[in-house]
Amino acid sequence: MWQEPMANISKVEGVSRILAKLKSLENRFGGKSGASVITGYTKSYALIVHERKTTRSGQPKYLEQPARELSEEFGKITTNAIKSGATAEQALKLAALRLQRESQKLVPVKTGDLKGSAFTRVE
């Protein structure tokens, strides 16, 4: 039986770097919460679908693409929230929820299970 090879996890590291940059804003404004926020998908096949070159609907790189395209906006969301009195945790969660919403628009949808498995959580 043919199995699709595991997707290269290193390509997802770009999203982690963007979120790390957002977290660095906390230090700029004096916060020290140590909070981090994760956005992702819980379905076991999420990474495989993310890395596929072609899909029947939606598109590959459904999480990475909006993370790259909206990185400046995420910075603005985070900066504005911190300047308005939000904690770093709250500011990061706002930006991460925006990433989640945008990525869900691009998820290849067949049954909706993958799209529905999106999450954002504070650690």
Protein backbone atom coordinates (compact mmCIF):
# COMPACT_ATOMS: atom_id res chain seq x y z
CA MET A 1 0.00 0.00 0.00
CA TRP A 2 1.38 3.43 -0.97
CA GLN A 3 1.79 5.98 1.76
CA GLU A 4 2.43 9.66 1.23
CA PRO A 5 5.78 10.68 2.76
CA MET A 6 5.68 12.80 5.90
CA ALA A 7 5.73 16.49 5.15
CA ASN A 8 8.85 18.46 5.96
CA ILE A 9 8.22 20.01 9.37
CA SER A 10 11.02 22.53 8.90
CA LYS A 11 8.81 24.50 6.49
CA VAL A 12 6.39 25.18 9.33
CA GLU A 13 9.21 26.77 11.31
CA GLY A 14 8.60 30.01 9.36
CA VAL A 15 5.34 30.42 11.24
CA SER A 16 7.16 29.90 14.53
CA ARG A 17 9.69 32.59 13.62
CA ILE A 18 6.92 35.07 12.86
CA LEU A 19 5.23 34.39 16.19
CA ALA A 20 8.60 34.74 17.97
CA LYS A 21 8.99 38.20 16.43
CA LEU A 22 5.56 39.13 17.73
CA LYS A 23 6.55 37.94 21.19
CA SER A 24 9.63 40.17 21.09
CA LEU A 25 7.25 43.15 21.12
CA GLU A 26 6.45 42.26 24.70
CA ASN A 27 10.00 43.13 25.74
CA ARG A 28 9.85 46.41 23.83
CA PHE A 29 6.94 47.52 26.00
CA GLY A 30 8.29 46.17 29.28
CA GLY A 31 6.20 43.03 29.70
CA LYS A 32 7.65 39.82 31.07
CA SER A 33 4.80 37.31 31.00
CA GLY A 34 6.66 34.56 29.18
CA ALA A 35 3.43 33.71 27.36
CA SER A 36 3.36 31.98 24.03
CA VAL A 37 0.47 31.27 21.70
CA ILE A 38 0.05 28.39 19.29
CA THR A 39 -2.23 28.22 16.26
CA GLY A 40 -2.63 24.96 14.41
CA TYR A 41 -4.81 22.03 13.43
CA THR A 42 -5.39 18.86 15.42
CA LYS A 43 -6.20 16.41 12.63
CA SER A 44 -3.39 13.89 12.15
CA TYR A 45 -3.24 14.60 8.41
CA ALA A 46 -3.13 18.42 8.73
CA LEU A 47 0.60 18.70 8.02
CA ILE A 48 0.42 16.37 5.02
CA VAL A 49 -2.42 18.40 3.47
CA HIS A 50 -0.56 21.63 4.29
CA GLU A 51 2.48 20.47 2.29
CA ARG A 52 0.64 19.00 -0.73
CA LYS A 53 1.34 20.74 -4.03
CA THR A 54 -2.22 20.30 -5.32
CA THR A 55 -5.58 19.94 -3.64
CA ARG A 56 -9.13 19.49 -4.87
CA SER A 57 -10.30 22.62 -3.10
CA GLY A 58 -8.62 25.23 -0.97
CA GLN A 59 -4.86 25.34 -1.23
CA PRO A 60 -1.63 24.03 0.22
CA LYS A 61 0.29 26.15 2.75
CA TYR A 62 -3.02 27.22 4.25
CA LEU A 63 -1.33 28.19 7.53
CA GLU A 64 2.07 29.31 6.30
CA GLN A 65 0.83 31.61 3.53
CA PRO A 66 -1.31 33.90 5.70
CA ALA A 67 1.41 33.92 8.38
CA ARG A 68 3.87 35.28 5.82
CA GLU A 69 1.46 37.64 4.05
CA LEU A 70 0.03 39.16 7.22
CA SER A 71 3.18 39.31 9.36
CA GLU A 72 3.23 43.12 9.33
CA GLU A 73 -0.45 43.23 10.30
CA PHE A 74 0.19 40.80 13.16
CA GLY A 75 2.88 43.16 14.41
CA LYS A 76 0.46 46.07 14.28
CA ILE A 77 -2.27 44.11 16.06
CA THR A 78 0.14 43.12 18.81
CA THR A 79 1.73 46.55 19.15
CA ASN A 80 -1.62 48.36 19.27
CA ALA A 81 -3.03 45.92 21.81
CA ILE A 82 -0.01 46.30 24.11
CA LYS A 83 -0.11 50.10 23.77
CA SER A 84 -3.81 49.96 24.69
CA GLY A 85 -3.04 48.12 27.91
CA ALA A 86 -3.40 44.49 26.88
CA THR A 87 -0.94 41.98 28.26
CA ALA A 88 1.51 40.36 25.89
CA GLU A 89 -0.51 37.17 26.19
CA GLN A 90 -3.72 38.94 25.14
CA ALA A 91 -1.97 40.75 22.29
CA LEU A 92 -0.39 37.58 20.95
CA LYS A 93 -3.71 35.76 21.16
CA LEU A 94 -5.41 38.48 19.10
CA ALA A 95 -2.80 38.12 16.35
CA ALA A 96 -2.94 34.32 16.51
CA LEU A 97 -6.73 34.31 16.25
CA ARG A 98 -6.44 36.48 13.15
CA LEU A 99 -4.01 33.90 11.70
CA GLN A 100 -6.43 31.10 12.55
CA ARG A 101 -9.36 32.86 10.83
CA GLU A 102 -7.35 33.58 7.69
CA SER A 103 -5.94 30.07 7.48
CA GLN A 104 -9.39 28.52 7.85
CA LYS A 105 -10.48 30.38 4.72
CA LEU A 106 -7.76 28.54 2.76
CA VAL A 107 -8.08 25.02 4.20
CA PRO A 108 -8.94 22.41 1.58
CA VAL A 109 -12.46 21.40 2.62
CA LYS A 110 -13.92 18.03 1.84
CA THR A 111 -15.84 17.19 5.00
CA GLY A 112 -14.97 20.20 7.14
CA ASP A 113 -13.13 18.07 9.70
CA LEU A 114 -9.76 19.68 9.02
CA LYS A 115 -11.14 23.21 9.06
CA GLY A 116 -13.02 22.48 12.27
CA SER A 117 -9.88 21.18 13.98
CA ALA A 118 -8.24 24.63 13.99
CA PHE A 119 -7.22 25.92 17.39
CA THR A 120 -5.42 28.79 19.09
CA ARG A 121 -4.19 28.37 22.63
CA VAL A 122 -2.03 30.18 25.12
CA GLU A 123 0.76 28.23 26.76
